[in-house]
C-alpha atoms as a PDB file:
ATOM      1  CA  UNK A   1      -3.337  -9.258  -0.844  1.00  0.00           C
ATOM      2  CA  UNK A   2      -4.760 -10.054   2.784  1.00  0.00           C
ATOM      3  CA  UNK A   3      -2.832  -9.308   6.118  1.00  0.00           C
ATOM      4  CA  UNK A   4      -3.379 -10.911   9.518  1.00  0.00           C
ATOM      5  CA  UNK A   5      -4.248  -8.521  12.468  1.00  0.00           C
ATOM      6  CA  UNK A   6      -2.837  -9.830  14.946  1.00  0.00           C
ATOM      7  CA  UNK A   7      -4.942  -7.966  17.811  1.00  0.00           C
ATOM      8  CA  UNK A   8      -5.417  -8.699  21.335  1.00  0.00           C
ATOM      9  CA  UNK A   9      -8.534 -10.802  21.979  1.00  0.00           C
ATOM     10  CA  UNK A  10      -8.945 -12.336  18.407  1.00  0.00           C
ATOM     11  CA  UNK A  11      -6.824 -15.621  18.340  1.00  0.00           C
ATOM     12  CA  UNK A  12     -10.367 -17.772  17.488  1.00  0.00           C
ATOM     13  CA  UNK A  13     -11.889 -15.114  15.519  1.00  0.00           C
ATOM     14  CA  UNK A  14      -8.589 -13.224  13.355  1.00  0.00           C
ATOM     15  CA  UNK A  15      -9.226  -9.920  11.779  1.00  0.00           C
ATOM     16  CA  UNK A  16      -7.563 -10.224   8.250  1.00  0.00           C
ATOM     17  CA  UNK A  17      -7.387  -6.993   6.317  1.00  0.00           C
ATOM     18  CA  UNK A  18      -7.741  -7.362   2.136  1.00  0.00           C
ATOM     19  CA  UNK A  19      -7.634  -5.192  -0.410  1.00  0.00           C
ATOM     20  CA  UNK A  20      -9.961  -5.622  -3.663  1.00  0.00           C
ATOM     21  CA  UNK A  21      -8.769  -4.971  -7.196  1.00  0.00           C
ATOM     22  CA  UNK A  22     -10.474  -1.038  -7.372  1.00  0.00           C
ATOM     23  CA  UNK A  23      -8.087  -0.492  -4.178  1.00  0.00           C
ATOM     24  CA  UNK A  24     -11.183  -0.597  -1.156  1.00  0.00           C
ATOM     25  CA  UNK A  25      -9.598  -1.932   2.226  1.00  0.00           C
ATOM     26  CA  UNK A  26     -12.270  -4.403   3.849  1.00  0.00           C
ATOM     27  CA  UNK A  27     -12.422  -6.504   6.923  1.00  0.00           C
ATOM     28  CA  UNK A  28     -13.254 -10.400   7.453  1.00  0.00           C
ATOM     29  CA  UNK A  29     -13.370 -12.562  10.455  1.00  0.00           C
ATOM     30  CA  UNK A  30     -13.227 -16.498   9.742  1.00  0.00           C
ATOM     31  CA  UNK A  31     -13.302 -15.572   5.924  1.00  0.00           C
ATOM     32  CA  UNK A  32     -16.929 -13.757   6.320  1.00  0.00           C
ATOM     33  CA  UNK A  33     -16.744  -9.528   5.621  1.00  0.00           C
ATOM     34  CA  UNK A  34     -17.158  -8.158   8.786  1.00  0.00           C
ATOM     35  CA  UNK A  35     -20.157  -5.622   8.698  1.00  0.00           C
ATOM     36  CA  UNK A  36     -19.578  -2.355   8.158  1.00  0.00           C
ATOM     37  CA  UNK A  37     -21.591   1.218   9.435  1.00  0.00           C
ATOM     38  CA  UNK A  38     -20.313   4.372   7.473  1.00  0.00           C
ATOM     39  CA  UNK A  39     -18.107   5.639   4.812  1.00  0.00           C
ATOM     40  CA  UNK A  40     -15.025   6.677   3.859  1.00  0.00           C
ATOM     41  CA  UNK A  41     -11.927   8.015   7.389  1.00  0.00           C
ATOM     42  CA  UNK A  42     -15.335   7.282   9.585  1.00  0.00           C
ATOM     43  CA  UNK A  43     -16.349   4.088   8.623  1.00  0.00           C
ATOM     44  CA  UNK A  44     -16.325   1.734  11.714  1.00  0.00           C
ATOM     45  CA  UNK A  45     -16.307  -1.994  11.432  1.00  0.00           C
ATOM     46  CA  UNK A  46     -18.498  -4.433  14.129  1.00  0.00           C
ATOM     47  CA  UNK A  47     -16.137  -7.498  14.964  1.00  0.00           C
ATOM     48  CA  UNK A  48     -16.986 -10.070  17.660  1.00  0.00           C
ATOM     49  CA  UNK A  49     -14.180 -11.075  20.079  1.00  0.00           C
ATOM     50  CA  UNK A  50     -13.035 -14.620  21.239  1.00  0.00           C
ATOM     51  CA  UNK A  51     -15.514 -14.534  24.328  1.00  0.00           C
ATOM     52  CA  UNK A  52     -18.440 -13.233  22.444  1.00  0.00           C
ATOM     53  CA  UNK A  53     -18.218  -9.807  23.054  1.00  0.00           C
ATOM     54  CA  UNK A  54     -18.297  -6.892  20.449  1.00  0.00           C
ATOM     55  CA  UNK A  55     -15.589  -4.597  19.201  1.00  0.00           C
ATOM     56  CA  UNK A  56     -15.525  -2.086  16.847  1.00  0.00           C
ATOM     57  CA  UNK A  57     -12.190  -1.020  14.426  1.00  0.00           C
ATOM     58  CA  UNK A  58     -11.379   1.409  12.455  1.00  0.00           C
ATOM     59  CA  UNK A  59      -8.770   1.688   9.253  1.00  0.00           C
ATOM     60  CA  UNK A  60      -6.014   5.017  10.024  1.00  0.00           C
ATOM     61  CA  UNK A  61      -4.630   6.055   6.590  1.00  0.00           C
ATOM     62  CA  UNK A  62      -0.995   6.324   5.925  1.00  0.00           C
ATOM     63  CA  UNK A  63      -0.163   8.249   2.618  1.00  0.00           C
ATOM     64  CA  UNK A  64       0.109   5.444  -0.590  1.00  0.00           C
ATOM     65  CA  UNK A  65       0.881   2.292   2.033  1.00  0.00           C
ATOM     66  CA  UNK A  66      -1.259  -0.132   3.958  1.00  0.00           C
ATOM     67  CA  UNK A  67      -3.992   1.318   6.614  1.00  0.00           C
ATOM     68  CA  UNK A  68      -3.068   0.159   9.991  1.00  0.00           C
ATOM     69  CA  UNK A  69      -6.064  -0.929  12.137  1.00  0.00           C
ATOM     70  CA  UNK A  70      -7.584   0.552  15.519  1.00  0.00           C
ATOM     71  CA  UNK A  71      -9.225  -2.165  17.625  1.00  0.00           C
ATOM     72  CA  UNK A  72     -11.064  -0.180  20.969  1.00  0.00           C
ATOM     73  CA  UNK A  73      -8.810   1.981  20.171  1.00  0.00           C
ATOM     74  CA  UNK A  74      -5.159   0.333  20.036  1.00  0.00           C
ATOM     75  CA  UNK A  75      -3.116   0.644  16.332  1.00  0.00           C
ATOM     76  CA  UNK A  76      -2.052  -1.915  14.841  1.00  0.00           C
ATOM     77  CA  UNK A  77       0.730  -2.196  11.869  1.00  0.00           C
ATOM     78  CA  UNK A  78      -0.423  -4.612   9.195  1.00  0.00           C
ATOM     79  CA  UNK A  79       2.786  -3.981   8.137  1.00  0.00           C
ATOM     80  CA  UNK A  80       5.704  -2.005   9.101  1.00  0.00           C
ATOM     81  CA  UNK A  81       5.405   1.435   7.928  1.00  0.00           C
ATOM     82  CA  UNK A  82       8.533   2.022   5.085  1.00  0.00           C
ATOM     83  CA  UNK A  83      11.109   3.936   6.210  1.00  0.00           C
ATOM     84  CA  UNK A  84      13.186   7.365   5.205  1.00  0.00           C
ATOM     85  CA  UNK A  85      15.294   5.393   2.946  1.00  0.00           C
ATOM     86  CA  UNK A  86      12.645   2.750   1.548  1.00  0.00           C
ATOM     87  CA  UNK A  87      10.628   5.988   0.744  1.00  0.00           C
ATOM     88  CA  UNK A  88      13.521   7.472  -1.001  1.00  0.00           C
ATOM     89  CA  UNK A  89      13.846   4.219  -3.146  1.00  0.00           C
ATOM     90  CA  UNK A  90      10.268   3.971  -4.125  1.00  0.00           C
ATOM     91  CA  UNK A  91       9.806   7.357  -5.112  1.00  0.00           C
ATOM     92  CA  UNK A  92      13.173   7.437  -6.858  1.00  0.00           C
ATOM     93  CA  UNK A  93      11.396   7.556 -10.134  1.00  0.00           C
ATOM     94  CA  UNK A  94       9.540  10.730  -9.296  1.00  0.00           C
ATOM     95  CA  UNK A  95      12.951  12.603 -10.921  1.00  0.00           C
ATOM     96  CA  UNK A  96      11.383  12.185 -14.220  1.00  0.00           C
ATOM     97  CA  UNK A  97       8.897  14.852 -13.085  1.00  0.00           C
ATOM     98  CA  UNK A  98      11.076  17.429 -14.324  1.00  0.00           C
ATOM     99  CA  UNK A  99      10.375  16.566 -17.897  1.00  0.00           C
ATOM    100  CA  UNK A 100       7.223  17.501 -18.071  1.00  0.00           C
ATOM    101  CA  UNK A 101       4.010  15.384 -18.704  1.00  0.00           C
ATOM    102  CA  UNK A 102       5.705  12.436 -20.145  1.00  0.00           C
ATOM    103  CA  UNK A 103       8.224  12.514 -17.424  1.00  0.00           C
ATOM    104  CA  UNK A 104       5.430  12.233 -14.532  1.00  0.00           C
ATOM    105  CA  UNK A 105       3.137   9.922 -16.401  1.00  0.00           C
ATOM    106  CA  UNK A 106       6.533   7.309 -16.109  1.00  0.00           C
ATOM    107  CA  UNK A 107       7.511   8.385 -12.948  1.00  0.00           C
ATOM    108  CA  UNK A 108       4.211   8.134 -11.186  1.00  0.00           C
ATOM    109  CA  UNK A 109       3.613   4.698 -12.577  1.00  0.00           C
ATOM    110  CA  UNK A 110       7.010   3.781 -11.610  1.00  0.00           C
ATOM    111  CA  UNK A 111       6.477   4.471  -8.201  1.00  0.00           C
ATOM    112  CA  UNK A 112       3.150   2.824  -8.094  1.00  0.00           C
ATOM    113  CA  UNK A 113       5.021  -0.182  -9.064  1.00  0.00           C
ATOM    114  CA  UNK A 114       7.869   0.267  -6.520  1.00  0.00           C
ATOM    115  CA  UNK A 115       5.256   0.589  -3.557  1.00  0.00           C
ATOM    116  CA  UNK A 116       4.093  -3.001  -4.925  1.00  0.00           C
ATOM    117  CA  UNK A 117       7.433  -4.153  -5.363  1.00  0.00           C
ATOM    118  CA  UNK A 118       8.334  -2.939  -1.775  1.00  0.00           C
ATOM    119  CA  UNK A 119       6.110  -5.266  -0.258  1.00  0.00           C
ATOM    120  CA  UNK A 120       6.919  -8.369  -2.263  1.00  0.00           C
ATOM    121  CA  UNK A 121       8.058 -11.624   0.208  1.00  0.00           C
ATOM    122  CA  UNK A 122      11.205 -11.424  -1.327  1.00  0.00           C
ATOM    123  CA  UNK A 123      14.903 -11.144   0.148  1.00  0.00           C
ATOM    124  CA  UNK A 124      15.581  -6.667   0.709  1.00  0.00           C
ATOM    125  CA  UNK A 125      18.600  -7.433  -2.074  1.00  0.00           C
ATOM    126  CA  UNK A 126      15.941  -8.375  -4.683  1.00  0.00           C
ATOM    127  CA  UNK A 127      13.022  -6.096  -3.905  1.00  0.00           C
ATOM    128  CA  UNK A 128      16.274  -3.234  -4.182  1.00  0.00           C
ATOM    129  CA  UNK A 129      17.476  -4.208  -7.322  1.00  0.00           C
ATOM    130  CA  UNK A 130      14.372  -4.725  -8.901  1.00  0.00           C
ATOM    131  CA  UNK A 131      13.212  -0.636  -7.667  1.00  0.00           C
ATOM    132  CA  UNK A 132      16.504  -0.058  -8.866  1.00  0.00           C
ATOM    133  CA  UNK A 133      15.639  -1.735 -12.668  1.00  0.00           C
ATOM    134  CA  UNK A 134      12.036  -0.091 -12.577  1.00  0.00           C
ATOM    135  CA  UNK A 135      13.395   3.417 -11.322  1.00  0.00           C
ATOM    136  CA  UNK A 136      16.062   2.695 -14.756  1.00  0.00           C
ATOM    137  CA  UNK A 137      13.937   1.832 -17.045  1.00  0.00           C
ATOM    138  CA  UNK A 138      11.421   4.764 -16.050  1.00  0.00           C
ATOM    139  CA  UNK A 139      14.338   7.330 -16.693  1.00  0.00           C
ATOM    140  CA  UNK A 140      15.378   5.604 -19.735  1.00  0.00           C
ATOM    141  CA  UNK A 141      11.618   5.376 -21.207  1.00  0.00           C
ATOM    142  CA  UNK A 142      11.312   9.549 -20.117  1.00  0.00           C
ATOM    143  CA  UNK A 143      15.012  10.030 -22.687  1.00  0.00           C
ATOM    144  CA  UNK A 144      13.821   8.670 -25.243  1.00  0.00           C
ATOM    145  CA  UNK A 145      10.753   9.830 -25.456  1.00  0.00           C
ATOM    146  CA  UNK A 146      11.820  13.360 -24.939  1.00  0.00           C
ATOM    147  CA  UNK A 147      14.594  12.770 -27.447  1.00  0.00           C
ATOM    148  CA  UNK A 148      11.779  11.393 -30.066  1.00  0.00           C
ATOM    149  CA  UNK A 149       9.789  14.245 -29.384  1.00  0.00           C
ATOM    150  CA  UNK A 150      12.531  16.943 -29.382  1.00  0.00           C
ATOM    151  CA  UNK A 151      13.744  15.474 -32.612  1.00  0.00           C
ATOM    152  CA  UNK A 152      10.102  15.759 -34.831  1.00  0.00           C
ATOM    153  CA  UNK A 153       9.849  19.204 -33.573  1.00  0.00           C
END
């Protein structure tokens, strides 16, 4: 999944944020990877503006969400941060954690899927229905696993 960063001075050479399959975020311009200096939170990306001048960017992490991109000290949100209500719906399956290791596994898995669903390019009602279904499946899976394991004891 990739997103264009709407930074000033980059109309002809747009900045693109992509996430690899390994979960690593990278910046590119015109389809070419941008030079990265350093690693982790202190990594700096070297960019070229439309007028040919040099610029730098850093990624500012957000909890379990797409990072913001800071270009020359100005922060750009690639996607809107999730609201409190959205976080509550996304994290609803975490209620399964009460049930121990199996509940925690199902809760974390369903929350991860919900994070992907909330960012889909679908109408809000469709996304919320999908997340409700995923949450119901996680809770139902936990109840089923708990009852099966309880019967064997």
